[in-house]
């Protein structure tokens, strides 16, 4: 008789987990289907993806309206590339310092700092960049306004740095200490042991850290909205103003009438963003599996 409460609680736990899994999966499918349904009039119109992504500019008040998002996805790729190019090397370095170099007292102080940085709202980062980087770019590059793709990318790098550093530090700490001691016992330097043993074994976790930073960067809205400049012109350099996909959707959706061409185009932009994220995740999982196999 005493086993009945335990069996009942186990069954209820299993049922709750199953319902939660089905609810999460159903929500994801419903969101994807809804976005695809609203984007279909643009995706399957004359010109289709070619006009949306490459040929048409963003001129919603023209007759007929021109609703190309080429400037937006190019701005998104440029800002994301800048942020990862800065954050990934520094994140790996911070993670390696926390796991293998820093004394215990320093390590116990650095980890909470990373957690605090990760929890700061994006509007605070955006405001900080607006009052520091924007005036600096105006003065040193003789720009009409310091809002630019480079400013947005640098602030976004600061935003994703804590995620990359914390995840990579966990990957480095997961390497068994016996491997480090065995490498040092061969008479090699500490840096050689880290480079050839620790980094090699932690490669899948490092790759996952970069993927987490990429997912955080490509979906950021408010900070890049404040710093990129929201220009619908096609950017040609990192000092030009731009408008990422997330900023385009956030600024234009409130002014788009339901069922209008602009409305459907913004949902098409959201679909493009989701498609890019899914493709990146698929590549990440494929490459991560290869790294695990090689290690």
Protein backbone atom coordinates (compact mmCIF):
# COMPACT_ATOMS: atom_id res chain seq x y z
CA UNK A 1 0.00 0.00 0.00
CA UNK A 2 2.90 2.35 0.70
CA UNK A 3 4.04 2.01 -2.90
CA UNK A 4 0.81 3.47 -4.30
CA UNK A 5 1.56 7.16 -3.45
CA UNK A 6 5.02 6.82 -4.98
CA UNK A 7 3.69 5.19 -8.14
CA UNK A 8 0.91 7.79 -8.41
CA UNK A 9 3.34 10.71 -8.03
CA UNK A 10 5.64 9.17 -10.63
CA UNK A 11 2.78 8.78 -13.10
CA UNK A 12 1.59 12.34 -12.47
CA UNK A 13 5.13 13.67 -12.98
CA UNK A 14 5.45 11.73 -16.24
CA UNK A 15 2.06 13.03 -17.41
CA UNK A 16 2.97 16.63 -16.51
CA UNK A 17 6.27 16.40 -18.41
CA UNK A 18 4.51 14.90 -21.43
CA UNK A 19 1.84 17.61 -21.48
CA UNK A 20 4.51 20.32 -21.13
CA UNK A 21 6.49 18.84 -24.02
CA UNK A 22 3.42 18.61 -26.25
CA UNK A 23 2.34 22.16 -25.34
CA UNK A 24 5.77 23.56 -26.13
CA UNK A 25 5.97 21.73 -29.45
CA UNK A 26 2.43 22.73 -30.41
CA UNK A 27 3.14 26.37 -29.58
CA UNK A 28 6.22 26.36 -31.79
CA UNK A 29 4.31 24.78 -34.67
CA UNK A 30 1.37 27.19 -34.31
CA UNK A 31 3.67 30.23 -34.30
CA UNK A 32 5.50 29.00 -37.40
CA UNK A 33 2.25 28.21 -39.23
CA UNK A 34 0.74 31.58 -38.33
CA UNK A 35 3.78 33.51 -39.52
CA UNK A 36 3.96 31.48 -42.73
CA UNK A 37 0.25 32.04 -43.38
CA UNK A 38 0.56 35.80 -42.93
CA UNK A 39 3.75 35.91 -45.02
CA UNK A 40 2.40 33.79 -47.88
CA UNK A 41 0.89 36.69 -49.93
CA UNK A 42 4.37 38.25 -50.13
CA UNK A 43 6.41 35.07 -50.46
CA UNK A 44 4.31 33.75 -53.33
CA UNK A 45 3.58 37.05 -55.08
CA UNK A 46 5.10 38.13 -58.39
CA UNK A 47 8.82 38.37 -57.85
CA UNK A 48 8.59 36.41 -54.61
CA UNK A 49 11.76 36.06 -52.59
CA UNK A 50 13.93 37.61 -55.30
CA UNK A 51 12.10 40.95 -55.09
CA UNK A 52 11.82 40.73 -51.32
CA UNK A 53 15.49 40.03 -50.63
CA UNK A 54 17.43 41.53 -53.53
CA UNK A 55 15.77 43.77 -56.08
CA UNK A 56 13.16 46.05 -54.47
CA UNK A 57 14.05 48.88 -52.05
CA UNK A 58 11.92 49.70 -48.99
CA UNK A 59 9.57 52.45 -50.19
CA UNK A 60 6.15 51.60 -48.68
CA UNK A 61 4.58 54.92 -49.77
CA UNK A 62 5.37 54.47 -53.47
CA UNK A 63 2.70 53.59 -56.01
CA UNK A 64 2.77 50.64 -56.14
CA UNK A 65 4.62 50.17 -52.84
CA UNK A 66 8.15 48.73 -53.02
CA UNK A 67 8.73 46.48 -50.03
CA UNK A 68 12.17 44.94 -50.35
CA UNK A 69 14.08 44.04 -47.19
CA UNK A 70 17.55 43.64 -48.69
CA UNK A 71 18.87 46.52 -46.60
CA UNK A 72 17.53 44.89 -43.43
CA UNK A 73 19.00 41.43 -43.77
CA UNK A 74 22.36 42.82 -44.93
CA UNK A 75 22.39 45.10 -41.86
CA UNK A 76 21.52 42.12 -39.68
CA UNK A 77 24.40 40.05 -41.05
CA UNK A 78 26.90 42.91 -40.71
CA UNK A 79 25.95 43.74 -37.11
CA UNK A 80 25.94 40.08 -36.09
CA UNK A 81 29.33 39.47 -37.73
CA UNK A 82 30.87 42.46 -35.92
CA UNK A 83 29.47 41.40 -32.56
CA UNK A 84 30.66 37.80 -32.85
CA UNK A 85 34.03 38.82 -34.26
CA UNK A 86 34.64 40.85 -31.10
CA UNK A 87 32.83 38.77 -28.48
CA UNK A 88 33.93 35.24 -29.39
CA UNK A 89 37.72 35.68 -28.93
CA UNK A 90 37.27 37.72 -25.75
CA UNK A 91 34.64 35.28 -24.47
CA UNK A 92 36.93 32.30 -24.99
CA UNK A 93 39.77 34.14 -23.28
CA UNK A 94 37.63 35.08 -20.28
CA UNK A 95 36.27 31.53 -20.02
CA UNK A 96 39.78 30.05 -20.13
CA UNK A 97 41.01 32.54 -17.55
CA UNK A 98 38.15 31.71 -15.18
CA UNK A 99 38.56 27.95 -15.52
CA UNK A 100 42.32 27.44 -15.69
CA UNK A 101 44.23 30.58 -14.70
CA UNK A 102 42.37 32.72 -12.16
CA UNK A 103 42.82 32.04 -8.42
CA UNK A 104 39.78 30.86 -6.54
CA UNK A 105 39.06 34.30 -5.05
CA UNK A 106 39.21 35.99 -8.45
CA UNK A 107 37.10 33.25 -10.03
CA UNK A 108 34.41 33.57 -7.36
CA UNK A 109 34.23 37.32 -8.05
CA UNK A 110 34.27 37.14 -11.85
CA UNK A 111 31.46 34.62 -12.30
CA UNK A 112 28.81 36.75 -10.50
CA UNK A 113 29.94 39.74 -12.56
CA UNK A 114 29.25 37.82 -15.75
CA UNK A 115 25.83 36.82 -14.44
CA UNK A 116 25.02 40.46 -13.66
CA UNK A 117 26.15 41.59 -17.13
CA UNK A 118 23.96 38.92 -18.74
CA UNK A 119 20.93 40.14 -16.78
CA UNK A 120 21.20 43.85 -17.62
CA UNK A 121 18.26 44.90 -19.85
CA UNK A 122 19.10 45.62 -23.47
CA UNK A 123 17.70 49.17 -23.22
CA UNK A 124 20.43 49.97 -20.67
CA UNK A 125 23.11 48.76 -23.07
CA UNK A 126 21.50 50.78 -25.84
CA UNK A 127 21.37 53.93 -23.72
CA UNK A 128 25.00 53.45 -22.67
CA UNK A 129 26.07 53.12 -26.30
CA UNK A 130 23.99 56.13 -27.28
CA UNK A 131 25.69 58.45 -24.77
CA UNK A 132 29.23 57.08 -25.25
CA UNK A 133 29.89 55.52 -28.66
CA UNK A 134 27.57 57.72 -30.72
CA UNK A 135 29.22 61.04 -29.68
CA UNK A 136 32.67 59.46 -30.00
CA UNK A 137 32.01 58.35 -33.58
CA UNK A 138 30.61 61.78 -34.43
CA UNK A 139 33.77 63.51 -33.21
CA UNK A 140 36.43 61.10 -34.49
CA UNK A 141 34.98 60.11 -37.85
CA UNK A 142 33.36 63.43 -38.78
CA UNK A 143 29.98 61.77 -39.11
CA UNK A 144 26.68 63.61 -39.24
CA UNK A 145 25.44 61.18 -36.62
CA UNK A 146 27.34 58.52 -34.73
CA UNK A 147 24.54 56.00 -35.14
CA UNK A 148 26.00 53.27 -37.30
CA UNK A 149 26.29 49.55 -37.88
CA UNK A 150 29.67 49.55 -36.12
CA UNK A 151 28.27 51.19 -32.98
CA UNK A 152 25.40 48.68 -32.85
CA UNK A 153 27.78 45.77 -33.43
CA UNK A 154 30.17 46.83 -30.65
CA UNK A 155 27.42 47.24 -28.06
CA UNK A 156 25.89 43.95 -29.17
CA UNK A 157 29.31 42.32 -28.64
CA UNK A 158 29.27 43.53 -25.03
CA UNK A 159 25.77 42.09 -24.64
CA UNK A 160 26.63 38.59 -25.91
CA UNK A 161 30.06 38.44 -24.23
CA UNK A 162 28.76 37.16 -20.83
CA UNK A 163 26.87 34.29 -22.49
CA UNK A 164 29.89 33.16 -24.51
CA UNK A 165 32.28 33.54 -21.57
CA UNK A 166 30.10 31.64 -19.09
CA UNK A 167 29.30 28.80 -21.49
CA UNK A 168 32.91 28.38 -22.59
CA UNK A 169 34.10 28.46 -18.96
CA UNK A 170 31.70 25.61 -18.16
CA UNK A 171 33.07 23.68 -21.15
CA UNK A 172 36.65 24.16 -19.95
CA UNK A 173 35.77 23.17 -16.37
CA UNK A 174 34.11 19.99 -17.64
CA UNK A 175 37.48 18.64 -18.84
CA UNK A 176 38.75 16.08 -16.27
CA UNK A 177 41.71 17.24 -14.22
CA UNK A 178 43.51 13.97 -14.96
CA UNK A 179 43.96 15.05 -18.58
CA UNK A 180 45.61 18.29 -17.52
CA UNK A 181 47.88 16.51 -15.05
CA UNK A 182 48.83 13.86 -17.61
CA UNK A 183 49.78 16.53 -20.13
CA UNK A 184 51.83 18.50 -17.59
CA UNK A 185 53.53 15.29 -16.50
CA UNK A 186 55.00 15.00 -20.00
CA UNK A 187 57.04 18.13 -19.34
CA UNK A 188 55.13 20.48 -21.64
CA UNK A 189 54.35 24.07 -20.73
CA UNK A 190 51.03 25.05 -19.23
CA UNK A 191 50.02 26.93 -22.39
CA UNK A 192 50.85 23.91 -24.54
CA UNK A 193 48.70 21.67 -22.33
CA UNK A 194 45.82 24.15 -22.51
CA UNK A 195 46.09 24.55 -26.28
CA UNK A 196 46.53 20.90 -27.22
CA UNK A 197 44.47 19.17 -24.52
CA UNK A 198 41.96 21.48 -22.83
CA UNK A 199 40.89 23.45 -25.90
CA UNK A 200 40.80 20.32 -28.08
CA UNK A 201 38.57 18.47 -25.62
CA UNK A 202 36.34 21.50 -25.01
CA UNK A 203 35.84 22.28 -28.72
CA UNK A 204 32.17 21.13 -28.81
CA UNK A 205 31.34 23.28 -25.78
CA UNK A 206 33.19 26.25 -27.28
CA UNK A 207 31.23 25.83 -30.48
CA UNK A 208 28.00 25.73 -28.48
CA UNK A 209 29.03 28.96 -26.71
CA UNK A 210 29.54 30.70 -30.06
CA UNK A 211 26.17 29.37 -31.25
CA UNK A 212 24.48 30.73 -28.12
CA UNK A 213 26.05 34.12 -28.74
CA UNK A 214 24.91 34.02 -32.36
CA UNK A 215 21.33 33.25 -31.35
CA UNK A 216 21.41 36.09 -28.82
CA UNK A 217 22.88 38.54 -31.33
CA UNK A 218 20.69 37.83 -34.31
CA UNK A 219 17.47 38.25 -32.32
CA UNK A 220 18.36 41.43 -30.42
CA UNK A 221 16.00 44.32 -31.10
CA UNK A 222 16.04 47.30 -28.76
CA UNK A 223 19.77 48.03 -28.52
CA UNK A 224 20.33 47.83 -32.29
CA UNK A 225 17.16 49.85 -32.82
CA UNK A 226 18.68 52.66 -30.73
CA UNK A 227 22.16 52.57 -32.27
CA UNK A 228 21.99 51.34 -35.88
CA UNK A 229 20.30 54.47 -37.21
CA UNK A 230 17.19 52.91 -38.81
CA UNK A 231 18.15 53.87 -42.34
CA UNK A 232 16.41 52.08 -45.20
CA UNK A 233 19.40 52.71 -47.51
CA UNK A 234 21.58 49.75 -48.40
CA UNK A 235 24.67 49.88 -46.13
CA UNK A 236 28.07 49.83 -47.88
CA UNK A 237 30.38 50.07 -44.87
CA UNK A 238 30.30 49.54 -41.13
CA UNK A 239 30.13 53.32 -40.59
CA UNK A 240 26.87 53.58 -42.53
CA UNK A 241 23.52 53.60 -40.82
CA UNK A 242 21.41 50.46 -41.10
CA UNK A 243 18.18 48.81 -40.05
CA UNK A 244 18.29 45.16 -38.96
CA UNK A 245 15.31 42.88 -39.53
CA UNK A 246 14.27 43.01 -35.89
CA UNK A 247 14.34 46.82 -35.89
CA UNK A 248 12.39 46.93 -39.17
CA UNK A 249 9.62 44.77 -37.74
CA UNK A 250 9.51 46.65 -34.43
CA UNK A 251 9.28 50.11 -36.02
CA UNK A 252 6.95 49.37 -38.93
CA UNK A 253 4.45 46.79 -37.70
CA UNK A 254 2.49 49.27 -35.59
CA UNK A 255 1.85 51.42 -38.68
CA UNK A 256 0.91 48.57 -40.99
CA UNK A 257 -2.76 47.93 -41.59
CA UNK A 258 -3.86 44.35 -41.06
CA UNK A 259 -4.00 42.59 -44.40
CA UNK A 260 -2.04 45.30 -46.24
CA UNK A 261 0.99 44.47 -48.43
CA UNK A 262 3.25 46.09 -45.83
CA UNK A 263 1.72 43.91 -43.11
CA UNK A 264 2.37 40.72 -45.06
CA UNK A 265 5.90 41.85 -45.96
CA UNK A 266 6.80 42.35 -42.31
CA UNK A 267 5.63 38.83 -41.56
CA UNK A 268 7.73 37.67 -44.51
CA UNK A 269 10.70 39.41 -42.88
CA UNK A 270 9.95 37.53 -39.65
CA UNK A 271 9.77 34.29 -41.62
CA UNK A 272 13.17 35.02 -43.21
CA UNK A 273 14.62 35.64 -39.75
CA UNK A 274 13.20 32.38 -38.41
CA UNK A 275 14.46 30.50 -41.46
CA UNK A 276 17.98 31.90 -40.98
CA UNK A 277 17.97 30.96 -37.29
CA UNK A 278 16.77 27.42 -38.05
CA UNK A 279 19.44 26.97 -40.73
CA UNK A 280 22.15 28.25 -38.40
CA UNK A 281 21.02 25.91 -35.62
CA UNK A 282 21.01 22.97 -38.03
CA UNK A 283 24.57 23.78 -39.12
CA UNK A 284 25.63 24.22 -35.50
CA UNK A 285 24.30 20.81 -34.51
CA UNK A 286 25.90 19.18 -37.56
CA UNK A 287 29.32 20.74 -36.94
CA UNK A 288 29.10 20.13 -33.21
CA UNK A 289 28.46 16.42 -33.89
CA UNK A 290 31.52 16.27 -36.12
CA UNK A 291 33.65 17.94 -33.46
CA UNK A 292 32.48 15.48 -30.81
CA UNK A 293 33.25 12.59 -33.14
CA UNK A 294 36.76 13.87 -33.87
CA UNK A 295 37.51 14.51 -30.22
